Amino acid sequence: MRLKLDENIGRRGLEFLKASGHDVMTVWDQDLQGVSDQILLEVCAAEGRALVTLDRDFGEVLRFPPEKSAGIIILDIGPRTTVQGIIDRLRDFLAVVEITPVAGALWIVEPGRVRIHVQGHDDS
């Protein structure tokens, strides 16, 4: 799977996904840190990369329509962000992604559940 990690996902998240066999780039790789969310999502769509982020703003489906993306994955870590929390949510995501396509969908990966919003319906 082709993924782009937002600047809020650290090196350990990158290493974890690469070790799992995925094609992963980061905003740092392309000097995209600090660009607007809109531009970042457009770059991801043009590259065919799903965006992995902690930024809940990407959950605003009217502002960032998932169907126009290669996929948006929001990791909900809880009130305190830790490296282990990020790895745990990435592990949860990878467990489900094997059976559900990412492209065109908004994924919200929370402790204990994964919500998937696809144009026209939601799965939990």
N, C-alpha and C. Protein backbone atom coordinates (compact mmCIF):
# COMPACT_ATOMS: atom_id res chain seq x y z
N MET A 1 0.85 -1.16 0.00
CA MET A 1 0.00 0.00 0.00
C MET A 1 0.90 1.24 0.00
N ARG A 2 0.44 2.27 -0.70
CA ARG A 2 1.19 3.54 -0.80
C ARG A 2 0.63 4.53 0.23
N LEU A 3 1.50 4.96 1.14
CA LEU A 3 1.09 5.83 2.23
C LEU A 3 1.98 7.06 2.31
N LYS A 4 1.41 8.16 2.80
CA LYS A 4 2.18 9.35 3.15
C LYS A 4 1.89 9.67 4.60
N LEU A 5 2.95 9.82 5.40
CA LEU A 5 2.80 10.15 6.80
C LEU A 5 2.87 11.66 6.98
N ASP A 6 1.88 12.18 7.70
CA ASP A 6 1.86 13.59 8.04
C ASP A 6 3.02 13.88 8.99
N GLU A 7 3.32 15.16 9.17
CA GLU A 7 4.47 15.52 9.99
C GLU A 7 4.29 15.16 11.46
N ASN A 8 3.08 14.81 11.89
CA ASN A 8 2.86 14.45 13.28
C ASN A 8 3.06 12.96 13.57
N ILE A 9 3.44 12.19 12.56
CA ILE A 9 3.77 10.77 12.73
C ILE A 9 5.29 10.66 12.67
N GLY A 10 5.88 10.11 13.69
CA GLY A 10 7.33 10.08 13.79
C GLY A 10 8.01 8.96 13.02
N ARG A 11 9.31 8.93 13.17
CA ARG A 11 10.18 7.97 12.50
C ARG A 11 9.81 6.53 12.85
N ARG A 12 9.42 6.27 14.09
CA ARG A 12 9.07 4.90 14.47
C ARG A 12 7.83 4.41 13.72
N GLY A 13 6.87 5.31 13.48
CA GLY A 13 5.71 4.94 12.67
C GLY A 13 6.13 4.60 11.25
N LEU A 14 7.03 5.39 10.69
CA LEU A 14 7.56 5.13 9.35
C LEU A 14 8.24 3.78 9.31
N GLU A 15 9.10 3.51 10.26
CA GLU A 15 9.83 2.23 10.29
C GLU A 15 8.87 1.06 10.45
N PHE A 16 7.85 1.22 11.28
CA PHE A 16 6.87 0.15 11.49
C PHE A 16 6.15 -0.20 10.19
N LEU A 17 5.68 0.83 9.47
CA LEU A 17 4.95 0.59 8.22
C LEU A 17 5.85 0.02 7.14
N LYS A 18 7.07 0.52 7.04
CA LYS A 18 8.00 -0.02 6.05
C LYS A 18 8.34 -1.48 6.35
N ALA A 19 8.53 -1.79 7.64
CA ALA A 19 8.82 -3.17 8.03
C ALA A 19 7.64 -4.10 7.73
N SER A 20 6.44 -3.52 7.65
CA SER A 20 5.24 -4.30 7.31
C SER A 20 5.06 -4.43 5.79
N GLY A 21 6.01 -3.90 5.02
CA GLY A 21 6.01 -4.08 3.58
C GLY A 21 5.32 -2.99 2.77
N HIS A 22 5.08 -1.83 3.36
CA HIS A 22 4.36 -0.78 2.65
C HIS A 22 5.31 0.27 2.07
N ASP A 23 4.87 0.90 0.99
CA ASP A 23 5.60 1.97 0.32
C ASP A 23 5.21 3.27 1.04
N VAL A 24 6.13 3.79 1.86
CA VAL A 24 5.80 4.91 2.73
C VAL A 24 6.73 6.09 2.47
N MET A 25 6.13 7.26 2.35
CA MET A 25 6.89 8.51 2.29
C MET A 25 6.33 9.41 3.40
N THR A 26 7.10 10.44 3.73
CA THR A 26 6.64 11.38 4.75
C THR A 26 6.61 12.79 4.15
N VAL A 27 5.90 13.69 4.82
CA VAL A 27 5.92 15.08 4.37
C VAL A 27 7.33 15.63 4.46
N TRP A 28 8.13 15.12 5.40
CA TRP A 28 9.52 15.57 5.55
C TRP A 28 10.34 15.16 4.33
N ASP A 29 10.07 13.98 3.75
CA ASP A 29 10.81 13.51 2.57
C ASP A 29 10.70 14.49 1.41
N GLN A 30 9.56 15.16 1.32
CA GLN A 30 9.29 16.04 0.18
C GLN A 30 9.25 17.51 0.58
N ASP A 31 9.72 17.81 1.80
CA ASP A 31 9.77 19.19 2.28
C ASP A 31 8.38 19.83 2.23
N LEU A 32 7.37 19.07 2.64
CA LEU A 32 5.99 19.55 2.63
C LEU A 32 5.49 19.97 4.01
N GLN A 33 6.35 19.91 5.02
CA GLN A 33 5.90 20.28 6.36
C GLN A 33 5.45 21.74 6.34
N GLY A 34 4.33 21.99 7.01
CA GLY A 34 3.80 23.34 7.09
C GLY A 34 2.89 23.75 5.95
N VAL A 35 2.75 22.91 4.90
CA VAL A 35 1.83 23.27 3.81
C VAL A 35 0.40 23.14 4.32
N SER A 36 -0.53 23.78 3.64
CA SER A 36 -1.92 23.69 4.06
C SER A 36 -2.43 22.26 3.94
N ASP A 37 -3.44 21.94 4.74
CA ASP A 37 -4.03 20.61 4.68
C ASP A 37 -4.55 20.31 3.28
N GLN A 38 -5.14 21.31 2.64
CA GLN A 38 -5.69 21.12 1.29
C GLN A 38 -4.60 20.72 0.30
N ILE A 39 -3.48 21.43 0.33
CA ILE A 39 -2.37 21.11 -0.58
C ILE A 39 -1.83 19.72 -0.29
N LEU A 40 -1.66 19.40 0.98
CA LEU A 40 -1.15 18.08 1.35
C LEU A 40 -2.05 16.98 0.80
N LEU A 41 -3.35 17.14 0.95
CA LEU A 41 -4.27 16.12 0.46
C LEU A 41 -4.24 16.03 -1.07
N GLU A 42 -4.09 17.16 -1.75
CA GLU A 42 -3.98 17.15 -3.21
C GLU A 42 -2.71 16.43 -3.66
N VAL A 43 -1.60 16.66 -2.97
CA VAL A 43 -0.34 15.97 -3.30
C VAL A 43 -0.52 14.47 -3.11
N CYS A 44 -1.12 14.08 -2.00
CA CYS A 44 -1.35 12.65 -1.74
C CYS A 44 -2.21 12.02 -2.83
N ALA A 45 -3.28 12.71 -3.23
CA ALA A 45 -4.17 12.18 -4.27
C ALA A 45 -3.42 12.03 -5.59
N ALA A 46 -2.62 13.04 -5.95
CA ALA A 46 -1.87 12.99 -7.20
C ALA A 46 -0.86 11.84 -7.21
N GLU A 47 -0.30 11.54 -6.05
CA GLU A 47 0.68 10.45 -5.93
C GLU A 47 0.03 9.09 -5.70
N GLY A 48 -1.28 9.07 -5.45
CA GLY A 48 -1.95 7.81 -5.13
C GLY A 48 -1.55 7.27 -3.77
N ARG A 49 -1.30 8.17 -2.82
CA ARG A 49 -0.91 7.78 -1.47
C ARG A 49 -1.99 8.16 -0.48
N ALA A 50 -2.35 7.22 0.37
CA ALA A 50 -3.29 7.51 1.46
C ALA A 50 -2.53 8.30 2.53
N LEU A 51 -3.19 9.28 3.10
CA LEU A 51 -2.59 10.10 4.14
C LEU A 51 -2.85 9.49 5.50
N VAL A 52 -1.79 9.35 6.30
CA VAL A 52 -1.89 8.88 7.67
C VAL A 52 -1.55 10.06 8.57
N THR A 53 -2.46 10.41 9.48
CA THR A 53 -2.29 11.63 10.26
C THR A 53 -2.92 11.49 11.65
N LEU A 54 -2.52 12.40 12.54
CA LEU A 54 -3.19 12.54 13.83
C LEU A 54 -4.15 13.73 13.79
N ASP A 55 -4.15 14.47 12.71
CA ASP A 55 -4.90 15.71 12.55
C ASP A 55 -6.38 15.42 12.30
N ARG A 56 -7.21 15.67 13.30
CA ARG A 56 -8.64 15.38 13.19
C ARG A 56 -9.36 16.29 12.21
N ASP A 57 -8.74 17.40 11.82
CA ASP A 57 -9.37 18.28 10.83
C ASP A 57 -9.69 17.54 9.54
N PHE A 58 -8.88 16.53 9.21
CA PHE A 58 -9.12 15.77 7.98
C PHE A 58 -10.41 14.96 8.05
N GLY A 59 -11.03 14.88 9.20
CA GLY A 59 -12.31 14.20 9.35
C GLY A 59 -13.49 15.04 8.90
N GLU A 60 -13.24 16.29 8.54
CA GLU A 60 -14.31 17.16 8.03
C GLU A 60 -14.57 16.80 6.57
N VAL A 61 -15.54 15.90 6.36
CA VAL A 61 -15.74 15.32 5.02
C VAL A 61 -16.22 16.33 3.98
N LEU A 62 -16.85 17.41 4.39
CA LEU A 62 -17.25 18.42 3.41
C LEU A 62 -16.06 19.23 2.94
N ARG A 63 -15.12 19.45 3.84
CA ARG A 63 -13.90 20.20 3.50
C ARG A 63 -12.88 19.32 2.79
N PHE A 64 -12.77 18.08 3.23
CA PHE A 64 -11.81 17.12 2.67
C PHE A 64 -12.56 15.85 2.26
N PRO A 65 -13.24 15.89 1.10
CA PRO A 65 -14.04 14.72 0.68
C PRO A 65 -13.16 13.48 0.48
N PRO A 66 -13.38 12.45 1.26
CA PRO A 66 -12.53 11.26 1.13
C PRO A 66 -12.59 10.62 -0.24
N GLU A 67 -13.75 10.74 -0.91
CA GLU A 67 -13.88 10.10 -2.22
C GLU A 67 -12.97 10.73 -3.27
N LYS A 68 -12.42 11.90 -2.99
CA LYS A 68 -11.48 12.55 -3.91
C LYS A 68 -10.04 12.31 -3.50
N SER A 69 -9.84 11.36 -2.59
CA SER A 69 -8.50 11.09 -2.07
C SER A 69 -8.12 9.63 -2.33
N ALA A 70 -6.85 9.36 -2.06
CA ALA A 70 -6.37 7.98 -2.10
C ALA A 70 -6.62 7.31 -0.75
N GLY A 71 -7.32 8.03 0.13
CA GLY A 71 -7.64 7.54 1.46
C GLY A 71 -7.08 8.47 2.52
N ILE A 72 -7.83 8.59 3.61
CA ILE A 72 -7.41 9.40 4.75
C ILE A 72 -7.53 8.51 5.98
N ILE A 73 -6.43 8.36 6.71
CA ILE A 73 -6.42 7.54 7.91
C ILE A 73 -6.06 8.44 9.09
N ILE A 74 -7.03 8.65 9.98
CA ILE A 74 -6.80 9.45 11.18
C ILE A 74 -6.59 8.50 12.34
N LEU A 75 -5.45 8.62 12.99
CA LEU A 75 -5.15 7.81 14.16
C LEU A 75 -5.59 8.59 15.39
N ASP A 76 -6.54 8.04 16.13
CA ASP A 76 -7.02 8.67 17.35
C ASP A 76 -6.26 8.04 18.51
N ILE A 77 -5.30 8.78 19.02
CA ILE A 77 -4.41 8.25 20.05
C ILE A 77 -4.98 8.47 21.45
N GLY A 78 -5.87 9.44 21.59
CA GLY A 78 -6.40 9.79 22.90
C GLY A 78 -5.80 11.10 23.37
N PRO A 79 -5.97 11.40 24.65
CA PRO A 79 -5.56 12.72 25.14
C PRO A 79 -4.05 12.93 25.18
N ARG A 80 -3.27 11.88 25.23
CA ARG A 80 -1.81 12.03 25.31
C ARG A 80 -1.15 11.21 24.20
N THR A 81 -0.46 11.88 23.31
CA THR A 81 0.19 11.20 22.21
C THR A 81 1.49 10.56 22.68
N THR A 82 1.59 9.26 22.41
CA THR A 82 2.83 8.53 22.70
C THR A 82 3.23 7.74 21.46
N VAL A 83 4.51 7.42 21.37
CA VAL A 83 4.98 6.59 20.25
C VAL A 83 4.25 5.25 20.28
N GLN A 84 4.10 4.66 21.46
CA GLN A 84 3.42 3.36 21.55
C GLN A 84 1.97 3.48 21.11
N GLY A 85 1.31 4.59 21.44
CA GLY A 85 -0.06 4.80 21.00
C GLY A 85 -0.17 4.85 19.49
N ILE A 86 0.77 5.52 18.84
CA ILE A 86 0.78 5.58 17.38
C ILE A 86 1.00 4.20 16.79
N ILE A 87 1.97 3.46 17.31
CA ILE A 87 2.24 2.10 16.81
C ILE A 87 1.02 1.21 17.01
N ASP A 88 0.37 1.31 18.16
CA ASP A 88 -0.83 0.49 18.42
C ASP A 88 -1.92 0.80 17.42
N ARG A 89 -2.18 2.08 17.12
CA ARG A 89 -3.22 2.43 16.16
C ARG A 89 -2.81 1.98 14.75
N LEU A 90 -1.54 2.09 14.39
CA LEU A 90 -1.10 1.60 13.08
C LEU A 90 -1.31 0.09 12.98
N ARG A 91 -1.04 -0.61 14.05
CA ARG A 91 -1.25 -2.07 14.08
C ARG A 91 -2.74 -2.38 13.89
N ASP A 92 -3.61 -1.62 14.57
CA ASP A 92 -5.05 -1.80 14.42
C ASP A 92 -5.48 -1.56 12.97
N PHE A 93 -4.95 -0.51 12.38
CA PHE A 93 -5.26 -0.17 10.98
C PHE A 93 -4.84 -1.30 10.05
N LEU A 94 -3.61 -1.79 10.20
CA LEU A 94 -3.12 -2.85 9.32
C LEU A 94 -3.92 -4.13 9.46
N ALA A 95 -4.46 -4.39 10.63
CA ALA A 95 -5.26 -5.60 10.84
C ALA A 95 -6.56 -5.56 10.03
N VAL A 96 -7.10 -4.37 9.80
CA VAL A 96 -8.37 -4.23 9.10
C VAL A 96 -8.17 -3.96 7.61
N VAL A 97 -7.10 -3.29 7.25
CA VAL A 97 -6.91 -2.85 5.87
C VAL A 97 -6.76 -4.03 4.90
N GLU A 98 -6.41 -5.18 5.41
CA GLU A 98 -6.27 -6.35 4.53
C GLU A 98 -7.59 -6.74 3.87
N ILE A 99 -8.72 -6.37 4.50
CA ILE A 99 -10.02 -6.79 3.97
C ILE A 99 -10.88 -5.63 3.46
N THR A 100 -10.39 -4.40 3.61
CA THR A 100 -11.18 -3.23 3.21
C THR A 100 -10.29 -2.26 2.44
N PRO A 101 -10.71 -1.80 1.26
CA PRO A 101 -9.89 -0.85 0.52
C PRO A 101 -9.82 0.51 1.20
N VAL A 102 -8.68 1.18 1.03
CA VAL A 102 -8.44 2.48 1.64
C VAL A 102 -8.88 3.62 0.74
N ALA A 103 -8.63 3.50 -0.55
CA ALA A 103 -8.87 4.60 -1.48
C ALA A 103 -10.31 5.09 -1.42
N GLY A 104 -10.45 6.41 -1.35
CA GLY A 104 -11.77 7.03 -1.35
C GLY A 104 -12.51 6.96 -0.03
N ALA A 105 -11.82 6.53 1.03
CA ALA A 105 -12.48 6.37 2.32
C ALA A 105 -11.77 7.16 3.41
N LEU A 106 -12.53 7.53 4.43
CA LEU A 106 -11.99 8.14 5.64
C LEU A 106 -11.98 7.08 6.72
N TRP A 107 -10.81 6.80 7.26
CA TRP A 107 -10.65 5.84 8.33
C TRP A 107 -10.36 6.59 9.62
N ILE A 108 -11.07 6.26 10.68
CA ILE A 108 -10.75 6.79 12.00
C ILE A 108 -10.43 5.59 12.87
N VAL A 109 -9.16 5.49 13.23
CA VAL A 109 -8.67 4.33 13.96
C VAL A 109 -8.55 4.72 15.43
N GLU A 110 -9.45 4.19 16.24
CA GLU A 110 -9.53 4.50 17.66
C GLU A 110 -9.13 3.27 18.47
N PRO A 111 -8.81 3.46 19.73
CA PRO A 111 -8.56 2.29 20.57
C PRO A 111 -9.79 1.37 20.58
N GLY A 112 -9.64 0.16 20.14
CA GLY A 112 -10.73 -0.80 20.18
C GLY A 112 -11.68 -0.82 19.01
N ARG A 113 -11.56 0.15 18.08
CA ARG A 113 -12.45 0.10 16.92
C ARG A 113 -11.90 0.94 15.77
N VAL A 114 -12.35 0.57 14.57
CA VAL A 114 -11.99 1.30 13.36
C VAL A 114 -13.29 1.69 12.67
N ARG A 115 -13.45 3.00 12.44
CA ARG A 115 -14.63 3.50 11.73
C ARG A 115 -14.20 3.86 10.31
N ILE A 116 -15.00 3.45 9.34
CA ILE A 116 -14.68 3.72 7.94
C ILE A 116 -15.86 4.45 7.32
N HIS A 117 -15.59 5.65 6.80
CA HIS A 117 -16.61 6.46 6.15
C HIS A 117 -16.36 6.41 4.65
N VAL A 118 -17.33 5.88 3.94
CA VAL A 118 -17.27 5.82 2.48
C VAL A 118 -18.48 6.58 1.97
N GLN A 119 -18.35 7.29 0.87
CA GLN A 119 -19.45 8.06 0.30
C GLN A 119 -20.73 7.22 0.31
N GLY A 120 -21.75 7.72 1.01
CA GLY A 120 -23.04 7.03 1.02
C GLY A 120 -23.31 6.17 2.23
N HIS A 121 -22.25 5.74 2.96
CA HIS A 121 -22.50 4.95 4.17
C HIS A 121 -21.26 4.90 5.06
N ASP A 122 -21.48 4.49 6.30
CA ASP A 122 -20.41 4.33 7.27
C ASP A 122 -20.40 2.89 7.75
N ASP A 123 -19.19 2.38 8.01
CA ASP A 123 -19.01 1.05 8.60
C ASP A 123 -18.30 1.26 9.92
N SER A 124 -18.60 0.40 10.88
CA SER A 124 -17.87 0.48 12.15
C SER A 124 -17.39 -0.89 12.54
